[in-house]
Protein backbone atom coordinates (compact mmCIF):
# COMPACT_ATOMS: atom_id res chain seq x y z
CA MET A 1 106.63 150.83 81.36
CA LEU A 2 105.96 149.23 77.98
CA SER A 3 108.04 146.15 77.10
CA ILE A 4 108.75 145.68 73.41
CA ALA A 5 110.18 142.49 71.88
CA LEU A 6 112.36 143.12 68.83
CA PRO A 7 113.85 140.53 66.47
CA LYS A 8 117.64 140.63 66.34
CA GLY A 9 119.26 142.06 63.23
CA ARG A 10 118.17 144.54 60.59
CA ILE A 11 114.51 144.85 61.62
CA ALA A 12 115.54 145.68 65.20
CA GLN A 13 117.77 148.50 63.95
CA ASP A 14 115.12 149.84 61.57
CA THR A 15 112.54 149.76 64.39
CA LEU A 16 114.82 151.58 66.82
CA GLU A 17 115.37 154.26 64.19
CA ILE A 18 111.58 154.79 64.04
CA PHE A 19 111.57 155.27 67.83
CA GLU A 20 114.54 157.65 67.63
CA LYS A 21 112.69 159.84 65.14
CA ILE A 22 109.49 159.87 67.20
CA PHE A 23 111.10 160.60 70.56
CA GLU A 24 114.19 162.48 69.33
CA LYS A 25 116.60 160.49 71.47
CA SER A 26 119.01 157.60 70.93
CA PHE A 27 117.92 153.99 71.38
CA ILE A 28 121.15 151.96 71.22
CA PHE A 29 121.96 148.47 72.53
CA ASN A 30 125.52 148.34 73.88
CA ASP A 31 127.97 145.43 74.25
CA ARG A 32 125.74 142.47 73.38
CA LYS A 33 123.10 143.50 75.89
CA LEU A 34 119.66 142.03 75.35
CA ILE A 35 117.67 144.59 77.34
CA LEU A 36 117.58 148.33 76.70
CA GLU A 37 115.62 150.73 78.90
CA VAL A 38 114.95 154.26 77.69
CA GLY A 39 112.38 156.36 79.53
CA GLU A 40 109.08 154.49 79.60
CA PHE A 41 110.25 151.74 77.26
CA ARG A 42 112.05 148.44 77.76
CA PHE A 43 113.28 146.76 74.57
CA LEU A 44 114.10 143.03 74.50
CA LEU A 45 116.29 141.59 71.73
CA VAL A 46 115.16 138.06 70.87
CA ARG A 47 115.23 135.64 67.94
CA ASN A 48 112.75 136.51 65.21
CA GLN A 49 110.82 133.25 65.67
CA ASP A 50 110.56 133.85 69.43
CA VAL A 51 108.92 137.30 69.32
CA PRO A 52 105.33 135.92 69.24
CA ALA A 53 106.06 133.71 72.29
CA TYR A 54 107.37 136.66 74.35
CA VAL A 55 104.30 138.71 73.44
CA MET A 56 101.84 135.82 73.81
CA HIS A 57 103.05 135.10 77.35
CA GLN A 58 103.12 138.84 78.21
CA SER A 59 106.86 138.95 78.85
CA ALA A 60 106.56 141.76 76.33
CA ASP A 61 103.47 143.93 75.87
CA ILE A 62 104.09 144.56 72.21
CA GLY A 63 106.53 143.33 69.60
CA VAL A 64 107.81 143.70 66.06
CA VAL A 65 107.93 140.59 63.90
CA GLY A 66 107.62 139.48 60.28
CA LEU A 67 104.19 138.56 58.92
CA ASP A 68 105.68 135.22 57.82
CA VAL A 69 106.42 134.34 61.46
CA LEU A 70 102.91 135.40 62.53
CA GLU A 71 101.35 133.22 59.84
CA GLU A 72 103.56 130.27 60.80
CA LYS A 73 102.93 130.52 64.55
CA LYS A 74 99.22 131.49 64.39
CA GLU A 75 99.28 132.86 67.96
CA ASP A 76 96.26 134.80 69.23
CA LEU A 77 97.78 138.29 69.08
CA VAL A 78 96.60 141.77 68.11
CA ARG A 79 98.06 142.86 64.75
CA LEU A 80 98.31 146.62 65.09
CA LEU A 81 100.24 147.92 62.11
CA ASP A 82 102.26 146.97 59.04
CA LEU A 83 105.51 148.89 59.54
CA GLY A 84 106.57 148.47 55.91
CA ILE A 85 110.12 147.42 56.85
CA GLY A 86 111.90 144.07 56.50
CA LYS A 87 110.12 143.33 53.23
CA CYS A 88 110.61 139.88 51.75
CA LYS A 89 108.72 136.98 50.18
CA VAL A 90 108.09 133.37 51.12
CA CYS A 91 108.87 131.36 48.00
CA VAL A 92 109.09 127.83 46.64
CA GLY A 93 112.52 127.02 45.20
CA ILE A 94 113.78 124.06 43.17
CA ARG A 95 116.98 123.12 41.36
CA ASP A 96 117.57 125.18 38.25
CA GLY A 97 116.55 123.27 35.15
CA GLU A 98 113.95 121.17 36.99
CA LYS A 99 110.17 121.50 37.30
CA LEU A 100 107.84 120.92 40.22
CA ASP A 101 105.91 117.70 39.59
CA TYR A 102 102.30 118.57 40.38
CA SER A 103 101.15 115.05 39.50
CA SER A 104 103.29 113.50 42.24
CA PRO A 105 101.23 112.05 45.13
CA GLU A 106 103.65 113.63 47.60
CA ILE A 107 106.63 115.94 47.39
CA LYS A 108 109.35 116.45 49.96
CA ILE A 109 109.92 120.08 50.99
CA ALA A 110 112.62 121.38 53.33
CA THR A 111 111.64 124.51 55.23
CA LYS A 112 111.66 126.49 58.46
CA MET A 113 107.92 127.07 57.89
CA PRO A 114 106.08 123.72 57.82
CA ASN A 115 102.64 125.20 58.61
CA ILE A 116 102.75 127.81 55.83
CA THR A 117 104.05 125.11 53.48
CA LYS A 118 101.33 122.56 54.31
CA ASN A 119 98.56 125.16 54.07
CA TYR A 120 99.76 126.38 50.70
CA PHE A 121 100.09 122.96 49.09
CA SER A 122 96.87 121.63 50.62
CA LYS A 123 95.04 124.34 48.65
CA LYS A 124 96.60 122.83 45.53
CA ALA A 125 95.46 119.37 46.69
CA MET A 126 99.09 118.23 46.89
CA GLY A 127 100.51 116.07 49.64
CA VAL A 128 103.74 117.31 51.19
CA ASP A 129 106.28 115.67 53.45
CA THR A 130 107.87 118.63 55.24
CA ILE A 131 111.38 118.38 56.61
CA LYS A 132 111.97 121.11 59.18
CA LEU A 133 115.44 122.65 59.01
CA TYR A 134 116.86 125.60 60.93
CA GLY A 135 119.45 126.80 58.44
CA SER A 136 121.17 126.14 55.08
CA ILE A 137 117.79 125.31 53.55
CA GLU A 138 119.22 125.71 50.01
CA LEU A 139 121.42 122.65 50.52
CA ALA A 140 118.51 120.21 50.87
CA PRO A 141 117.53 119.76 47.18
CA LEU A 142 121.17 119.74 46.10
CA VAL A 143 121.90 116.59 48.12
CA GLY A 144 118.55 114.84 47.59
CA LEU A 145 117.09 115.56 51.02
CA SER A 146 114.08 117.28 49.41
CA ASP A 147 112.45 117.93 46.05
CA ALA A 148 112.02 121.63 46.82
CA ILE A 149 112.36 124.25 49.53
CA VAL A 150 110.11 126.95 50.99
CA ASP A 151 112.17 129.84 52.29
CA ILE A 152 112.41 133.59 52.76
CA VAL A 153 113.65 135.44 49.68
CA GLU A 154 114.78 139.06 49.59
CA SER A 155 116.64 139.41 46.29
CA GLY A 156 116.82 135.76 45.20
CA ALA A 157 120.63 135.95 45.04
CA THR A 158 121.20 133.19 47.64
CA MET A 159 119.07 130.72 45.70
CA LYS A 160 120.80 131.61 42.43
CA GLN A 161 124.25 131.19 43.97
CA ASN A 162 123.24 127.70 45.08
CA GLY A 163 121.85 126.59 41.73
CA LEU A 164 118.20 127.05 42.66
CA LYS A 165 115.38 129.13 41.19
CA VAL A 166 112.15 130.58 42.56
CA VAL A 167 109.12 128.91 40.97
CA GLU A 168 106.26 130.25 43.11
CA THR A 169 105.64 133.02 45.61
CA ILE A 170 103.49 131.93 48.56
CA MET A 171 103.19 135.29 50.32
CA GLU A 172 104.77 138.69 50.77
CA SER A 173 105.94 139.67 54.22
CA SER A 174 107.00 142.74 56.16
CA ALA A 175 107.39 143.63 59.83
CA TYR A 176 104.25 144.08 61.92
CA LEU A 177 103.66 145.79 65.25
CA ILE A 178 101.77 143.29 67.43
CA ALA A 179 100.35 143.36 70.96
CA ASN A 180 99.37 140.96 73.73
CA LYS A 181 95.57 140.97 74.12
CA ASN A 182 95.67 141.52 77.90
CA SER A 183 98.31 144.25 77.58
CA PHE A 184 96.16 145.93 74.94
CA ILE A 185 93.37 146.18 77.54
CA GLU A 186 95.55 147.00 80.58
CA LYS A 187 97.82 149.51 78.80
CA LYS A 188 95.50 150.60 76.01
CA LYS A 189 96.20 154.33 76.39
CA GLU A 190 100.00 153.91 76.14
CA ILE A 191 99.79 151.39 73.29
CA ILE A 192 97.33 153.47 71.24
CA SER A 193 99.45 156.59 71.80
CA LEU A 194 102.55 154.76 70.55
CA TYR A 195 100.62 153.20 67.66
CA ARG A 196 99.52 156.65 66.47
CA LYS A 197 103.05 158.08 66.63
CA ILE A 198 104.51 155.12 64.74
CA SER A 199 101.66 155.15 62.23
CA ASN A 200 102.37 158.80 61.42
CA GLU A 201 106.09 158.03 61.02
CA VAL A 202 105.73 155.05 58.69
CA LYS A 203 102.93 156.38 56.45
CA PRO A 204 103.80 155.71 52.79
C-alpha cells in the first residue's frame, strides 16, 4: 500500500480529483476523518507545512505540497512532478504609499517563511530581522511590528484590503508530488507507475 500525505484544503481536493480521473472511482474523506483508504492507497490529511515531515520520516511514501514549503523546509526529498495546481506567489508586501528602504542596515520582516526571506534578502546584501508569525501576517506592518511582510499571494486582494501592496515577487509556487528517498527505492515500481499516470493527467 502506498501512503500519500495531502495538505488540507483546496490542494487536497484538487489532488483527489486527479486520482479520481486516473482510477475512475471516488476518493472522498468523510466526517472529519484524517485517513482515507481506497484500494492500494492510504491518504493522510495533514497541515501543509507538515507534509515534508511525514514524507521525510516515511510515515507517508509520497506527498503533495507547495514548492514554497519545500524551499522553506529544505528536506532531502525526491521532487517527482510539478502538478500545476495550487498556484501562488511568495511576495514582499509593505504599507501602501511607502517604499522599501534598501539603504537601511536592517529591516524587520514578519513572515511564516524565515528561511526563504533570509535567503532572498541576503542576495541583495540586506540584513533582515525576521519575526515568525503563524497567521494574520498582514497586521504586522499596520501596527509597527515589522517594516514589511513576506507572504503567499494568490490574487493580492487580501493585501489590498489591509492597506498593503506587493512590491517584489520572490518566487512562484505550485503543488509538487514528492517522495521519500527510501520509499522511492523500496516501492519504485508502484511510485513510477503512479507518477506516469499523474503526469499524463496533468500535462499542460
